[in-house]
Amino acid sequence: EYIVSPLETVPTESLIHYIENYLSKEKVYKIVIGDPSDGLPEDHPNLKAIKKLVQSIHEKWPHLEIVHHDEAFTSVQAKQILLKSGLRKKKRRDKSLVDKISAVLILKDYLQHY
């Protein structure tokens, strides 16, 4: 059994630097990336940004396996978890907290399937 916990929310423009720093401290063999492509057109800005990120990671660390995993409804699930947690409304609206919980849900689902 696995315990999945979030690291931190990182702005997109700082993500490569964050990964580089993280890899200098931890052994990582695989990165799981949420895939929002279900129902989105190929030219959607989110898909373009993810593709660019994956390309940058692959170029910098070709040994890392990059896995795309469906992230459908994880934000909705994260918001429901926050609502049930009893947090105040202002804290529940914190996008970084929603993103952290969504990331945990994506990774947990990936680990349960593979």
Protein backbone atom coordinates (compact mmCIF):
# COMPACT_ATOMS: atom_id res chain seq x y z
CA GLU A 1 0.00 0.00 0.00
CA TYR A 2 1.13 3.55 -0.72
CA ILE A 3 0.84 6.81 1.13
CA VAL A 4 0.46 9.72 -1.26
CA SER A 5 1.08 13.27 -0.10
CA PRO A 6 1.55 16.52 -2.00
CA LEU A 7 4.82 18.38 -2.20
CA GLU A 8 4.02 21.99 -2.96
CA THR A 9 2.33 24.04 -5.62
CA VAL A 10 4.85 25.59 -7.99
CA PRO A 11 4.21 28.27 -10.62
CA THR A 12 4.61 26.89 -14.14
CA GLU A 13 7.53 29.18 -14.94
CA SER A 14 9.45 27.78 -11.92
CA LEU A 15 8.61 24.13 -12.45
CA ILE A 16 11.77 23.04 -14.30
CA HIS A 17 13.94 24.66 -11.63
CA TYR A 18 11.84 23.00 -8.90
CA ILE A 19 12.18 19.58 -10.56
CA GLU A 20 15.93 20.10 -10.95
CA ASN A 21 16.27 20.93 -7.26
CA TYR A 22 14.06 18.00 -6.25
CA LEU A 23 16.02 15.55 -8.42
CA SER A 24 19.26 16.66 -6.78
CA LYS A 25 17.88 15.43 -3.45
CA GLU A 26 15.67 12.45 -4.34
CA LYS A 27 15.86 9.43 -6.62
CA VAL A 28 13.11 9.73 -9.20
CA TYR A 29 12.48 7.31 -12.03
CA LYS A 30 9.06 8.39 -13.21
CA ILE A 31 6.93 11.52 -13.31
CA VAL A 32 3.15 11.24 -13.49
CA ILE A 33 1.51 14.19 -15.21
CA GLY A 34 -2.21 14.87 -15.13
CA ASP A 35 -3.74 14.60 -18.58
CA PRO A 36 -6.66 16.98 -19.17
CA SER A 37 -7.04 16.01 -22.83
CA ASP A 38 -10.39 14.26 -22.51
CA GLY A 39 -12.71 16.38 -24.61
CA LEU A 40 -10.28 19.25 -25.17
CA PRO A 41 -9.24 20.25 -28.68
CA GLU A 42 -5.58 19.59 -29.53
CA ASP A 43 -4.83 23.31 -29.76
CA HIS A 44 -6.14 24.05 -26.25
CA PRO A 45 -3.65 26.22 -24.29
CA ASN A 46 -3.49 23.74 -21.38
CA LEU A 47 -2.56 20.89 -23.69
CA LYS A 48 0.07 23.01 -25.42
CA ALA A 49 1.58 23.98 -22.06
CA ILE A 50 1.70 20.36 -20.89
CA LYS A 51 3.27 19.23 -24.14
CA LYS A 52 5.93 21.94 -23.82
CA LEU A 53 6.60 20.96 -20.20
CA VAL A 54 6.93 17.26 -21.06
CA GLN A 55 9.31 18.12 -23.90
CA SER A 56 11.45 20.26 -21.58
CA ILE A 57 11.59 17.51 -18.95
CA HIS A 58 12.46 14.88 -21.54
CA GLU A 59 15.23 17.03 -23.03
CA LYS A 60 16.77 17.82 -19.66
CA TRP A 61 16.31 14.37 -18.07
CA PRO A 62 15.93 11.76 -20.82
CA HIS A 63 16.22 8.92 -18.29
CA LEU A 64 12.96 9.90 -16.58
CA GLU A 65 9.83 8.08 -17.64
CA ILE A 66 6.96 10.52 -18.12
CA VAL A 67 3.47 9.09 -17.74
CA HIS A 68 0.25 10.89 -18.60
CA HIS A 69 -2.67 9.95 -16.39
CA ASP A 70 -6.29 11.06 -16.71
CA GLU A 71 -7.10 13.95 -14.42
CA ALA A 72 -10.80 14.11 -15.26
CA PHE A 73 -12.90 15.48 -12.41
CA THR A 74 -9.99 15.66 -9.94
CA SER A 75 -10.58 19.37 -9.30
CA VAL A 76 -14.25 18.68 -8.60
CA GLN A 77 -13.30 15.83 -6.26
CA ALA A 78 -10.70 18.02 -4.54
CA LYS A 79 -13.28 20.75 -3.93
CA GLN A 80 -15.69 18.17 -2.48
CA ILE A 81 -12.95 16.91 -0.14
CA LEU A 82 -12.25 20.46 1.00
CA LEU A 83 -15.95 21.09 1.57
CA LYS A 84 -16.27 17.95 3.70
CA SER A 85 -13.10 18.84 5.63
CA GLY A 86 -14.78 21.75 7.36
CA LEU A 87 -12.31 24.37 6.16
CA ARG A 88 -13.52 27.93 5.99
CA LYS A 89 -14.80 29.15 2.64
CA LYS A 90 -11.78 31.41 2.04
CA LYS A 91 -9.35 28.50 2.52
CA ARG A 92 -11.47 26.21 0.28
CA ARG A 93 -11.09 28.76 -2.54
CA ASP A 94 -7.29 28.52 -2.38
CA LYS A 95 -6.40 27.21 -5.85
CA SER A 96 -3.02 25.91 -4.71
CA LEU A 97 -4.75 23.73 -2.11
CA VAL A 98 -7.18 22.42 -4.73
CA ASP A 99 -4.20 21.73 -7.03
CA LYS A 100 -2.36 19.83 -4.28
CA ILE A 101 -5.34 17.62 -3.54
CA SER A 102 -5.94 17.10 -7.27
CA ALA A 103 -2.30 16.00 -7.67
CA VAL A 104 -2.70 13.52 -4.84
CA LEU A 105 -5.86 12.14 -6.46
CA ILE A 106 -4.11 11.76 -9.83
CA LEU A 107 -1.12 9.96 -8.32
CA LYS A 108 -3.27 7.78 -6.07
CA ASP A 109 -5.42 6.73 -9.03
CA TYR A 110 -2.33 6.01 -11.12
CA LEU A 111 -0.79 3.85 -8.37
CA GLN A 112 -4.03 1.92 -7.90
CA HIS A 113 -4.15 1.06 -11.61
CA TYR A 114 -0.48 0.16 -12.15
